Amino acid sequence: MSENLKQFFNLLANNPEIKEKALTCNELGKEKGLLALIELAKEQGMELSEADFKASEEELSEDELGAVSGGGM
């Protein structure tokens, strides 16, 4: 997993407002949601790409998946 993606997940875990925005992105479906998450990261000063997410899909721990999908870390 890229360092930028780790930082983004850390931000989601520690910032309820940003996490809520990420959950809203998730409701857009896979393609649009992914692009919206990349834009959300960009708004927070982070550079992420589709490749960051796709390369790490199989690497995510259960805790990280929970943080992104609405559970807690």
C-alpha atoms as a PDB file:
ATOM      1  CA  MET A   1       0.000   0.000   0.000  1.00  0.00           C
ATOM      2  CA  SER A   2       1.340   3.430  -0.871  1.00  0.00           C
ATOM      3  CA  GLU A   3       2.281   5.868   1.865  1.00  0.00           C
ATOM      4  CA  ASN A   4      -0.237   8.369   0.498  1.00  0.00           C
ATOM      5  CA  LEU A   5      -3.045   5.831   0.780  1.00  0.00           C
ATOM      6  CA  LYS A   6      -1.979   4.966   4.331  1.00  0.00           C
ATOM      7  CA  GLN A   7      -2.097   8.677   5.204  1.00  0.00           C
ATOM      8  CA  PHE A   8      -5.536   8.976   3.614  1.00  0.00           C
ATOM      9  CA  PHE A   9      -6.881   6.038   5.645  1.00  0.00           C
ATOM     10  CA  ASN A  10      -5.352   7.555   8.770  1.00  0.00           C
ATOM     11  CA  LEU A  11      -7.130  10.828   7.986  1.00  0.00           C
ATOM     12  CA  LEU A  12     -10.430   8.961   7.574  1.00  0.00           C
ATOM     13  CA  ALA A  13      -9.933   7.158  10.863  1.00  0.00           C
ATOM     14  CA  ASN A  14      -9.250  10.386  12.741  1.00  0.00           C
ATOM     15  CA  ASN A  15     -11.548  12.905  11.065  1.00  0.00           C
ATOM     16  CA  PRO A  16     -15.289  12.118  11.220  1.00  0.00           C
ATOM     17  CA  GLU A  17     -16.187  14.904   8.787  1.00  0.00           C
ATOM     18  CA  ILE A  18     -13.822  13.649   6.084  1.00  0.00           C
ATOM     19  CA  LYS A  19     -14.883  10.065   6.785  1.00  0.00           C
ATOM     20  CA  GLU A  20     -18.514  11.036   6.208  1.00  0.00           C
ATOM     21  CA  LYS A  21     -17.562  12.602   2.874  1.00  0.00           C
ATOM     22  CA  ALA A  22     -15.709   9.399   1.951  1.00  0.00           C
ATOM     23  CA  LEU A  23     -18.766   7.323   2.790  1.00  0.00           C
ATOM     24  CA  THR A  24     -20.826   9.568   0.519  1.00  0.00           C
ATOM     25  CA  CYS A  25     -18.295   8.917  -2.260  1.00  0.00           C
ATOM     26  CA  ASN A  26     -18.721   5.201  -1.682  1.00  0.00           C
ATOM     27  CA  GLU A  27     -22.443   5.517  -2.416  1.00  0.00           C
ATOM     28  CA  LEU A  28     -21.683   6.718  -5.963  1.00  0.00           C
ATOM     29  CA  GLY A  29     -20.629   3.272  -7.152  1.00  0.00           C
ATOM     30  CA  LYS A  30     -17.202   1.870  -7.878  1.00  0.00           C
ATOM     31  CA  GLU A  31     -16.015   4.073 -10.763  1.00  0.00           C
ATOM     32  CA  LYS A  32     -17.535   7.411  -9.750  1.00  0.00           C
ATOM     33  CA  GLY A  33     -16.865   6.716  -6.078  1.00  0.00           C
ATOM     34  CA  LEU A  34     -13.199   6.048  -6.743  1.00  0.00           C
ATOM     35  CA  LEU A  35     -12.837   9.289  -8.661  1.00  0.00           C
ATOM     36  CA  ALA A  36     -14.656  11.144  -5.886  1.00  0.00           C
ATOM     37  CA  LEU A  37     -12.302   9.651  -3.262  1.00  0.00           C
ATOM     38  CA  ILE A  38      -9.304  10.760  -5.318  1.00  0.00           C
ATOM     39  CA  GLU A  39     -10.775  14.264  -5.487  1.00  0.00           C
ATOM     40  CA  LEU A  40     -11.480  14.233  -1.735  1.00  0.00           C
ATOM     41  CA  ALA A  41      -7.858  13.280  -1.071  1.00  0.00           C
ATOM     42  CA  LYS A  42      -6.731  16.074  -3.382  1.00  0.00           C
ATOM     43  CA  GLU A  43      -8.851  18.574  -1.417  1.00  0.00           C
ATOM     44  CA  GLN A  44      -6.911  17.452   1.669  1.00  0.00           C
ATOM     45  CA  GLY A  45      -3.567  18.034  -0.049  1.00  0.00           C
ATOM     46  CA  MET A  46      -2.929  14.371  -0.835  1.00  0.00           C
ATOM     47  CA  GLU A  47      -2.032  12.899  -4.196  1.00  0.00           C
ATOM     48  CA  LEU A  48      -3.783   9.612  -4.895  1.00  0.00           C
ATOM     49  CA  SER A  49      -4.515   7.792  -8.120  1.00  0.00           C
ATOM     50  CA  GLU A  50      -6.683   4.906  -9.234  1.00  0.00           C
ATOM     51  CA  ALA A  51      -3.521   2.798  -9.218  1.00  0.00           C
ATOM     52  CA  ASP A  52      -3.040   3.467  -5.479  1.00  0.00           C
ATOM     53  CA  PHE A  53      -6.452   2.014  -4.720  1.00  0.00           C
ATOM     54  CA  LYS A  54      -6.330  -0.847  -7.186  1.00  0.00           C
ATOM     55  CA  ALA A  55      -2.850  -1.970  -6.132  1.00  0.00           C
ATOM     56  CA  SER A  56      -3.913  -2.127  -2.525  1.00  0.00           C
ATOM     57  CA  GLU A  57      -7.369  -3.733  -2.864  1.00  0.00           C
ATOM     58  CA  GLU A  58      -6.012  -7.119  -1.833  1.00  0.00           C
ATOM     59  CA  GLU A  59      -3.642  -5.693   0.784  1.00  0.00           C
ATOM     60  CA  LEU A  60      -6.180  -3.936   3.009  1.00  0.00           C
ATOM     61  CA  SER A  61      -6.522  -5.269   6.526  1.00  0.00           C
ATOM     62  CA  GLU A  62      -9.936  -5.847   8.056  1.00  0.00           C
ATOM     63  CA  ASP A  63      -9.455  -2.710  10.200  1.00  0.00           C
ATOM     64  CA  GLU A  64      -8.669  -0.565   7.171  1.00  0.00           C
ATOM     65  CA  LEU A  65     -11.654  -1.940   5.292  1.00  0.00           C
ATOM     66  CA  GLY A  66     -13.819  -1.174   8.314  1.00  0.00           C
ATOM     67  CA  ALA A  67     -12.527   2.393   8.479  1.00  0.00           C
ATOM     68  CA  VAL A  68     -13.367   3.036   4.843  1.00  0.00           C
ATOM     69  CA  SER A  69     -16.704   1.264   4.902  1.00  0.00           C
ATOM     70  CA  GLY A  70     -18.005   2.905   8.056  1.00  0.00           C
ATOM     71  CA  GLY A  71     -16.633   0.832  10.890  1.00  0.00           C
ATOM     72  CA  GLY A  72     -14.120   2.126  13.396  1.00  0.00           C
ATOM     73  CA  MET A  73     -10.398   1.565  13.625  1.00  0.00           C
END
